[in-house]
Each structure stands twice: as C-alpha cells, then as structure tokens.
All heavy atoms as atom14 arrays in JSON, in Angstrom:
{
  "sequence": "IDHHGTNPRCTKDGDWVEHVGATGELILRLLEQIGAPI",
  "atom14_mask": [
    [1, 1, 1, 1, 1, 1, 1, 1, 0, 0, 0, 0, 0, 0],
    [1, 1, 1, 1, 1, 1, 1, 1, 0, 0, 0, 0, 0, 0],
    [1, 1, 1, 1, 1, 1, 1, 1, 1, 1, 0, 0, 0, 0],
    [1, 1, 1, 1, 1, 1, 1, 1, 1, 1, 0, 0, 0, 0],
    [1, 1, 1, 1, 0, 0, 0, 0, 0, 0, 0, 0, 0, 0],
    [1, 1, 1, 1, 1, 1, 1, 0, 0, 0, 0, 0, 0, 0],
    [1, 1, 1, 1, 1, 1, 1, 1, 0, 0, 0, 0, 0, 0],
    [1, 1, 1, 1, 1, 1, 1, 0, 0, 0, 0, 0, 0, 0],
    [1, 1, 1, 1, 1, 1, 1, 1, 1, 1, 1, 0, 0, 0],
    [1, 1, 1, 1, 1, 1, 0, 0, 0, 0, 0, 0, 0, 0],
    [1, 1, 1, 1, 1, 1, 1, 0, 0, 0, 0, 0, 0, 0],
    [1, 1, 1, 1, 1, 1, 1, 1, 1, 0, 0, 0, 0, 0],
    [1, 1, 1, 1, 1, 1, 1, 1, 0, 0, 0, 0, 0, 0],
    [1, 1, 1, 1, 0, 0, 0, 0, 0, 0, 0, 0, 0, 0],
    [1, 1, 1, 1, 1, 1, 1, 1, 0, 0, 0, 0, 0, 0],
    [1, 1, 1, 1, 1, 1, 1, 1, 1, 1, 1, 1, 1, 1],
    [1, 1, 1, 1, 1, 1, 1, 0, 0, 0, 0, 0, 0, 0],
    [1, 1, 1, 1, 1, 1, 1, 1, 1, 0, 0, 0, 0, 0],
    [1, 1, 1, 1, 1, 1, 1, 1, 1, 1, 0, 0, 0, 0],
    [1, 1, 1, 1, 1, 1, 1, 0, 0, 0, 0, 0, 0, 0],
    [1, 1, 1, 1, 0, 0, 0, 0, 0, 0, 0, 0, 0, 0],
    [1, 1, 1, 1, 1, 0, 0, 0, 0, 0, 0, 0, 0, 0],
    [1, 1, 1, 1, 1, 1, 1, 0, 0, 0, 0, 0, 0, 0],
    [1, 1, 1, 1, 0, 0, 0, 0, 0, 0, 0, 0, 0, 0],
    [1, 1, 1, 1, 1, 1, 1, 1, 1, 0, 0, 0, 0, 0],
    [1, 1, 1, 1, 1, 1, 1, 1, 0, 0, 0, 0, 0, 0],
    [1, 1, 1, 1, 1, 1, 1, 1, 0, 0, 0, 0, 0, 0],
    [1, 1, 1, 1, 1, 1, 1, 1, 0, 0, 0, 0, 0, 0],
    [1, 1, 1, 1, 1, 1, 1, 1, 1, 1, 1, 0, 0, 0],
    [1, 1, 1, 1, 1, 1, 1, 1, 0, 0, 0, 0, 0, 0],
    [1, 1, 1, 1, 1, 1, 1, 1, 0, 0, 0, 0, 0, 0],
    [1, 1, 1, 1, 1, 1, 1, 1, 1, 0, 0, 0, 0, 0],
    [1, 1, 1, 1, 1, 1, 1, 1, 1, 0, 0, 0, 0, 0],
    [1, 1, 1, 1, 1, 1, 1, 1, 0, 0, 0, 0, 0, 0],
    [1, 1, 1, 1, 0, 0, 0, 0, 0, 0, 0, 0, 0, 0],
    [1, 1, 1, 1, 1, 0, 0, 0, 0, 0, 0, 0, 0, 0],
    [1, 1, 1, 1, 1, 1, 1, 0, 0, 0, 0, 0, 0, 0],
    [1, 1, 1, 1, 1, 1, 1, 1, 0, 0, 0, 0, 0, 0]
  ],
  "atom14_positions": [
    [[3.15, 3.58, -1.33], [2.11, 2.73, -0.74], [1.42, 3.56, 0.33], [2.06, 3.99, 1.3], [2.69, 1.44, -0.13], [3.48, 0.66, -1.19], [1.58, 0.57, 0.45], [4.22, -0.56, -0.63], [0.0, 0.0, 0.0], [0.0, 0.0, 0.0], [0.0, 0.0, 0.0], [0.0, 0.0, 0.0], [0.0, 0.0, 0.0], [0.0, 0.0, 0.0]],
    [[0.11, 3.79, 0.18], [-0.56, 4.77, 1.05], [-2.06, 4.48, 1.09], [-2.59, 3.73, 0.25], [-0.3, 6.18, 0.51], [-0.89, 7.26, 1.39], [-0.85, 7.12, 2.63], [-1.42, 8.25, 0.85], [0.0, 0.0, 0.0], [0.0, 0.0, 0.0], [0.0, 0.0, 0.0], [0.0, 0.0, 0.0], [0.0, 0.0, 0.0], [0.0, 0.0, 0.0]],
    [[-2.74, 5.1, 2.07], [-4.19, 4.9, 2.16], [-4.95, 6.22, 2.3], [-6.13, 6.21, 2.66], [-4.53, 3.97, 3.33], [-4.34, 4.58, 4.7], [-5.27, 4.46, 5.7], [-3.32, 5.31, 5.23], [-4.85, 5.09, 6.79], [-3.67, 5.6, 6.52], [0.0, 0.0, 0.0], [0.0, 0.0, 0.0], [0.0, 0.0, 0.0], [0.0, 0.0, 0.0]],
    [[-4.31, 7.35, 2.03], [-4.97, 8.64, 2.15], [-5.73, 9.0, 0.87], [-5.16, 8.96, -0.22], [-3.95, 9.73, 2.46], [-3.31, 9.59, 3.8], [-2.13, 8.92, 3.99], [-3.71, 10.0, 5.03], [-1.81, 8.94, 5.29], [-2.75, 9.58, 5.94], [0.0, 0.0, 0.0], [0.0, 0.0, 0.0], [0.0, 0.0, 0.0], [0.0, 0.0, 0.0]],
    [[-6.98, 9.41, 1.04], [-7.8, 9.76, -0.11], [-7.29, 10.97, -0.88], [-7.61, 11.14, -2.06], [0.0, 0.0, 0.0], [0.0, 0.0, 0.0], [0.0, 0.0, 0.0], [0.0, 0.0, 0.0], [0.0, 0.0, 0.0], [0.0, 0.0, 0.0], [0.0, 0.0, 0.0], [0.0, 0.0, 0.0], [0.0, 0.0, 0.0], [0.0, 0.0, 0.0]],
    [[-6.5, 11.84, -0.22], [-5.99, 13.04, -0.88], [-4.69, 12.8, -1.63], [-4.14, 13.73, -2.22], [-5.77, 14.16, 0.15], [-4.88, 13.69, 1.18], [-7.1, 14.58, 0.79], [0.0, 0.0, 0.0], [0.0, 0.0, 0.0], [0.0, 0.0, 0.0], [0.0, 0.0, 0.0], [0.0, 0.0, 0.0], [0.0, 0.0, 0.0], [0.0, 0.0, 0.0]],
    [[-4.18, 11.57, -1.63], [-2.93, 11.27, -2.32], [-3.06, 11.57, -3.82], [-4.01, 11.08, -4.46], [-2.56, 9.8, -2.13], [-1.14, 9.49, -2.57], [-0.79, 9.66, -3.73], [-0.34, 9.0, -1.65], [0.0, 0.0, 0.0], [0.0, 0.0, 0.0], [0.0, 0.0, 0.0], [0.0, 0.0, 0.0], [0.0, 0.0, 0.0], [0.0, 0.0, 0.0]],
    [[-2.16, 12.38, -4.39], [-2.28, 12.75, -5.81], [-1.9, 11.65, -6.79], [-2.08, 11.8, -8.0], [-1.33, 13.95, -5.94], [-0.29, 13.71, -4.89], [-1.03, 13.07, -3.74], [0.0, 0.0, 0.0], [0.0, 0.0, 0.0], [0.0, 0.0, 0.0], [0.0, 0.0, 0.0], [0.0, 0.0, 0.0], [0.0, 0.0, 0.0], [0.0, 0.0, 0.0]],
    [[-1.34, 10.55, -6.31], [-0.98, 9.42, -7.16], [-0.08, 9.85, -8.33], [-0.4, 9.64, -9.5], [-2.24, 8.72, -7.7], [-3.11, 8.1, -6.61], [-4.48, 7.69, -7.19], [-5.25, 6.9, -6.26], [-5.98, 7.39, -5.26], [-6.0, 8.71, -5.06], [-6.67, 6.6, -4.46], [0.0, 0.0, 0.0], [0.0, 0.0, 0.0], [0.0, 0.0, 0.0]],
    [[1.05, 10.44, -7.97], [1.95, 10.96, -9.01], [3.37, 10.42, -8.87], [4.32, 11.03, -9.37], [1.96, 12.49, -8.95], [2.53, 13.17, -7.38], [0.0, 0.0, 0.0], [0.0, 0.0, 0.0], [0.0, 0.0, 0.0], [0.0, 0.0, 0.0], [0.0, 0.0, 0.0], [0.0, 0.0, 0.0], [0.0, 0.0, 0.0], [0.0, 0.0, 0.0]],
    [[3.56, 9.29, -8.19], [4.89, 8.73, -8.02], [5.38, 8.12, -9.33], [4.61, 7.49, -10.06], [4.89, 7.67, -6.9], [4.28, 8.24, -5.74], [6.3, 7.24, -6.55], [0.0, 0.0, 0.0], [0.0, 0.0, 0.0], [0.0, 0.0, 0.0], [0.0, 0.0, 0.0], [0.0, 0.0, 0.0], [0.0, 0.0, 0.0], [0.0, 0.0, 0.0]],
    [[6.66, 8.31, -9.59], [7.27, 7.97, -10.88], [6.91, 6.57, -11.38], [6.52, 6.38, -12.53], [8.79, 8.13, -10.77], [9.53, 7.92, -12.08], [11.06, 7.96, -11.86], [11.51, 9.3, -11.32], [13.01, 9.36, -11.22], [0.0, 0.0, 0.0], [0.0, 0.0, 0.0], [0.0, 0.0, 0.0], [0.0, 0.0, 0.0], [0.0, 0.0, 0.0]],
    [[7.07, 5.57, -10.54], [6.89, 4.19, -10.99], [5.61, 3.54, -10.48], [5.43, 2.34, -10.64], [8.09, 3.35, -10.58], [9.36, 3.84, -11.27], [9.44, 3.74, -12.5], [10.24, 4.37, -10.56], [0.0, 0.0, 0.0], [0.0, 0.0, 0.0], [0.0, 0.0, 0.0], [0.0, 0.0, 0.0], [0.0, 0.0, 0.0], [0.0, 0.0, 0.0]],
    [[4.73, 4.35, -9.87], [3.44, 3.82, -9.5], [3.03, 4.12, -8.07], [3.87, 4.43, -7.21], [0.0, 0.0, 0.0], [0.0, 0.0, 0.0], [0.0, 0.0, 0.0], [0.0, 0.0, 0.0], [0.0, 0.0, 0.0], [0.0, 0.0, 0.0], [0.0, 0.0, 0.0], [0.0, 0.0, 0.0], [0.0, 0.0, 0.0], [0.0, 0.0, 0.0]],
    [[1.73, 4.05, -7.84], [1.16, 4.29, -6.53], [0.16, 3.19, -6.21], [-0.7, 2.86, -7.03], [0.41, 5.63, -6.49], [1.31, 6.81, -6.78], [1.9, 7.36, -5.85], [1.43, 7.19, -7.97], [0.0, 0.0, 0.0], [0.0, 0.0, 0.0], [0.0, 0.0, 0.0], [0.0, 0.0, 0.0], [0.0, 0.0, 0.0], [0.0, 0.0, 0.0]],
    [[0.29, 2.64, -5.03], [-0.72, 1.72, -4.52], [-1.44, 2.47, -3.41], [-0.99, 2.53, -2.29], [-0.08, 0.44, -4.01], [-1.07, -0.56, -3.47], [-2.43, -0.57, -3.63], [-0.76, -1.7, -2.65], [-2.99, -1.64, -2.98], [-1.99, -2.36, -2.37], [0.42, -2.23, -2.14], [-2.06, -3.51, -1.59], [0.36, -3.37, -1.37], [-0.87, -4.01, -1.1]],
    [[-2.54, 3.09, -3.77], [-3.34, 3.86, -2.82], [-4.71, 3.21, -2.73], [-5.43, 3.15, -3.73], [-3.47, 5.34, -3.24], [-4.3, 6.11, -2.22], [-2.1, 5.98, -3.42], [0.0, 0.0, 0.0], [0.0, 0.0, 0.0], [0.0, 0.0, 0.0], [0.0, 0.0, 0.0], [0.0, 0.0, 0.0], [0.0, 0.0, 0.0], [0.0, 0.0, 0.0]],
    [[-5.04, 2.73, -1.56], [-6.28, 2.0, -1.39], [-6.97, 2.44, -0.11], [-6.33, 2.71, 0.9], [-5.98, 0.49, -1.35], [-7.2, -0.38, -1.48], [-6.84, -1.85, -1.59], [-5.81, -2.18, -2.23], [-7.58, -2.68, -1.03], [0.0, 0.0, 0.0], [0.0, 0.0, 0.0], [0.0, 0.0, 0.0], [0.0, 0.0, 0.0], [0.0, 0.0, 0.0]],
    [[-8.29, 2.53, -0.16], [-9.06, 2.98, 1.0], [-9.17, 1.84, 2.01], [-10.06, 1.0, 1.94], [-10.45, 3.43, 0.57], [-11.29, 3.96, 1.71], [-10.96, 5.1, 2.4], [-12.42, 3.47, 2.28], [-11.86, 5.31, 3.34], [-12.76, 4.33, 3.3], [0.0, 0.0, 0.0], [0.0, 0.0, 0.0], [0.0, 0.0, 0.0], [0.0, 0.0, 0.0]],
    [[-8.23, 1.81, 2.93], [-8.22, 0.82, 4.01], [-8.0, 1.56, 5.33], [-7.7, 2.75, 5.34], [-7.11, -0.24, 3.8], [-7.41, -1.09, 2.58], [-5.74, 0.43, 3.66], [0.0, 0.0, 0.0], [0.0, 0.0, 0.0], [0.0, 0.0, 0.0], [0.0, 0.0, 0.0], [0.0, 0.0, 0.0], [0.0, 0.0, 0.0], [0.0, 0.0, 0.0]],
    [[-8.13, 0.84, 6.43], [-8.0, 1.49, 7.72], [-6.62, 2.04, 7.99], [-6.47, 3.08, 8.64], [0.0, 0.0, 0.0], [0.0, 0.0, 0.0], [0.0, 0.0, 0.0], [0.0, 0.0, 0.0], [0.0, 0.0, 0.0], [0.0, 0.0, 0.0], [0.0, 0.0, 0.0], [0.0, 0.0, 0.0], [0.0, 0.0, 0.0], [0.0, 0.0, 0.0]],
    [[-5.59, 1.36, 7.5], [-4.21, 1.78, 7.75], [-3.31, 1.25, 6.65], [-3.59, 0.2, 6.06], [-3.73, 1.27, 9.11], [0.0, 0.0, 0.0], [0.0, 0.0, 0.0], [0.0, 0.0, 0.0], [0.0, 0.0, 0.0], [0.0, 0.0, 0.0], [0.0, 0.0, 0.0], [0.0, 0.0, 0.0], [0.0, 0.0, 0.0], [0.0, 0.0, 0.0]],
    [[-2.23, 1.95, 6.39], [-1.26, 1.48, 5.41], [-0.69, 0.13, 5.84], [-0.33, -0.69, 5.0], [-0.13, 2.51, 5.23], [-0.7, 3.74, 4.75], [0.91, 2.03, 4.24], [0.0, 0.0, 0.0], [0.0, 0.0, 0.0], [0.0, 0.0, 0.0], [0.0, 0.0, 0.0], [0.0, 0.0, 0.0], [0.0, 0.0, 0.0], [0.0, 0.0, 0.0]],
    [[-0.64, -0.12, 7.14], [-0.16, -1.4, 7.63], [-0.91, -2.59, 7.06], [-0.35, -3.67, 6.88], [0.0, 0.0, 0.0], [0.0, 0.0, 0.0], [0.0, 0.0, 0.0], [0.0, 0.0, 0.0], [0.0, 0.0, 0.0], [0.0, 0.0, 0.0], [0.0, 0.0, 0.0], [0.0, 0.0, 0.0], [0.0, 0.0, 0.0], [0.0, 0.0, 0.0]],
    [[-2.19, -2.41, 6.74], [-2.97, -3.48, 6.13], [-2.41, -3.82, 4.75], [-2.34, -5.0, 4.36], [-4.43, -3.08, 6.01], [-5.15, -2.92, 7.34], [-6.6, -2.5, 7.15], [-7.27, -3.03, 6.24], [-7.06, -1.61, 7.89], [0.0, 0.0, 0.0], [0.0, 0.0, 0.0], [0.0, 0.0, 0.0], [0.0, 0.0, 0.0], [0.0, 0.0, 0.0]],
    [[-2.01, -2.79, 4.0], [-1.45, -3.01, 2.67], [-0.09, -3.69, 2.77], [0.23, -4.58, 1.97], [-1.33, -1.68, 1.93], [-2.62, -0.87, 1.76], [-2.33, 0.41, 0.99], [-3.69, -1.69, 1.06], [0.0, 0.0, 0.0], [0.0, 0.0, 0.0], [0.0, 0.0, 0.0], [0.0, 0.0, 0.0], [0.0, 0.0, 0.0], [0.0, 0.0, 0.0]],
    [[0.71, -3.29, 3.75], [2.03, -3.9, 3.92], [1.89, -5.37, 4.27], [2.64, -6.23, 3.77], [2.85, -3.15, 4.99], [3.09, -1.69, 4.57], [4.19, -3.86, 5.22], [3.86, -1.52, 3.28], [0.0, 0.0, 0.0], [0.0, 0.0, 0.0], [0.0, 0.0, 0.0], [0.0, 0.0, 0.0], [0.0, 0.0, 0.0], [0.0, 0.0, 0.0]],
    [[0.94, -5.71, 5.12], [0.7, -7.12, 5.46], [0.35, -7.91, 4.2], [0.89, -9.0, 3.96], [-0.42, -7.24, 6.48], [-0.86, -8.67, 6.84], [0.29, -9.49, 7.38], [-2.03, -8.64, 7.83], [0.0, 0.0, 0.0], [0.0, 0.0, 0.0], [0.0, 0.0, 0.0], [0.0, 0.0, 0.0], [0.0, 0.0, 0.0], [0.0, 0.0, 0.0]],
    [[-0.51, -7.36, 3.39], [-0.9, -8.03, 2.14], [0.3, -8.19, 1.21], [0.47, -9.21, 0.55], [-2.0, -7.21, 1.45], [-2.95, -8.04, 0.6], [-3.97, -7.16, -0.1], [-4.69, -6.3, 0.83], [-5.46, -5.3, 0.43], [-5.57, -5.01, -0.86], [-6.11, -4.57, 1.32], [0.0, 0.0, 0.0], [0.0, 0.0, 0.0], [0.0, 0.0, 0.0]],
    [[1.15, -7.15, 1.17], [2.33, -7.19, 0.32], [3.31, -8.27, 0.79], [3.86, -9.02, -0.04], [3.02, -5.83, 0.32], [4.34, -5.69, -0.42], [4.17, -6.01, -1.9], [4.91, -4.29, -0.24], [0.0, 0.0, 0.0], [0.0, 0.0, 0.0], [0.0, 0.0, 0.0], [0.0, 0.0, 0.0], [0.0, 0.0, 0.0], [0.0, 0.0, 0.0]],
    [[3.53, -8.36, 2.08], [4.45, -9.37, 2.61], [3.95, -10.77, 2.3], [4.75, -11.67, 1.98], [4.65, -9.19, 4.11], [5.24, -7.85, 4.59], [5.65, -7.95, 6.05], [6.4, -7.41, 3.73], [0.0, 0.0, 0.0], [0.0, 0.0, 0.0], [0.0, 0.0, 0.0], [0.0, 0.0, 0.0], [0.0, 0.0, 0.0], [0.0, 0.0, 0.0]],
    [[2.66, -10.96, 2.38], [2.09, -12.26, 2.02], [2.3, -12.55, 0.53], [2.59, -13.68, 0.14], [0.61, -12.3, 2.38], [0.34, -12.27, 3.88], [-1.14, -12.14, 4.21], [-1.9, -11.61, 3.39], [-1.53, -12.57, 5.32], [0.0, 0.0, 0.0], [0.0, 0.0, 0.0], [0.0, 0.0, 0.0], [0.0, 0.0, 0.0], [0.0, 0.0, 0.0]],
    [[2.18, -11.5, -0.28], [2.34, -11.65, -1.73], [3.76, -12.06, -2.11], [3.97, -12.9, -2.98], [1.98, -10.33, -2.43], [2.22, -10.29, -3.93], [1.04, -10.78, -4.74], [-0.03, -11.01, -4.21], [1.24, -10.93, -6.03], [0.0, 0.0, 0.0], [0.0, 0.0, 0.0], [0.0, 0.0, 0.0], [0.0, 0.0, 0.0], [0.0, 0.0, 0.0]],
    [[4.76, -11.46, -1.44], [6.15, -11.74, -1.81], [6.73, -12.9, -1.02], [7.9, -13.25, -1.18], [7.05, -10.49, -1.64], [7.1, -10.03, -0.18], [6.55, -9.36, -2.54], [8.01, -8.83, 0.06], [0.0, 0.0, 0.0], [0.0, 0.0, 0.0], [0.0, 0.0, 0.0], [0.0, 0.0, 0.0], [0.0, 0.0, 0.0], [0.0, 0.0, 0.0]],
    [[5.93, -13.5, -0.14], [6.38, -14.66, 0.61], [7.37, -14.35, 1.7], [8.19, -15.2, 2.08], [0.0, 0.0, 0.0], [0.0, 0.0, 0.0], [0.0, 0.0, 0.0], [0.0, 0.0, 0.0], [0.0, 0.0, 0.0], [0.0, 0.0, 0.0], [0.0, 0.0, 0.0], [0.0, 0.0, 0.0], [0.0, 0.0, 0.0], [0.0, 0.0, 0.0]],
    [[7.3, -13.14, 2.25], [8.21, -12.75, 3.33], [7.7, -13.3, 4.66], [6.49, -13.38, 4.87], [8.32, -11.23, 3.41], [0.0, 0.0, 0.0], [0.0, 0.0, 0.0], [0.0, 0.0, 0.0], [0.0, 0.0, 0.0], [0.0, 0.0, 0.0], [0.0, 0.0, 0.0], [0.0, 0.0, 0.0], [0.0, 0.0, 0.0], [0.0, 0.0, 0.0]],
    [[8.59, -13.66, 5.57], [8.15, -14.21, 6.85], [7.49, -13.15, 7.73], [7.98, -12.02, 7.82], [9.46, -14.72, 7.48], [10.53, -13.88, 6.84], [10.06, -13.63, 5.44], [0.0, 0.0, 0.0], [0.0, 0.0, 0.0], [0.0, 0.0, 0.0], [0.0, 0.0, 0.0], [0.0, 0.0, 0.0], [0.0, 0.0, 0.0], [0.0, 0.0, 0.0]],
    [[6.37, -13.49, 8.36], [5.71, -12.6, 9.31], [6.18, -13.02, 10.7], [5.55, -13.84, 11.38], [4.17, -12.68, 9.22], [3.71, -12.51, 7.77], [3.54, -11.6, 10.11], [4.05, -11.18, 7.15], [0.0, 0.0, 0.0], [0.0, 0.0, 0.0], [0.0, 0.0, 0.0], [0.0, 0.0, 0.0], [0.0, 0.0, 0.0], [0.0, 0.0, 0.0]]
  ]
}
C-alpha cells in the first residue's frame, strides 16, 4: 500500500498504489472498508 509514483507495482499478491497526499489517506479508507474502529 503506497502513494509514490515511482513504485514498480511488483508485489506478489498485489499493489494498491494511488496518487494521494499520503499513504495514511489510503489506510484510513481501508479501515473504513474493513469496519475497523477509528
């Protein structure tokens, strides 16, 4: 899970690479998706 444009996206089981301000934004979205408490 990353937000760097230079990421080669070669992880064995997948890469979530998105152009956002910080990886923390993706983690927040993920926690909401899995129903984890914030």
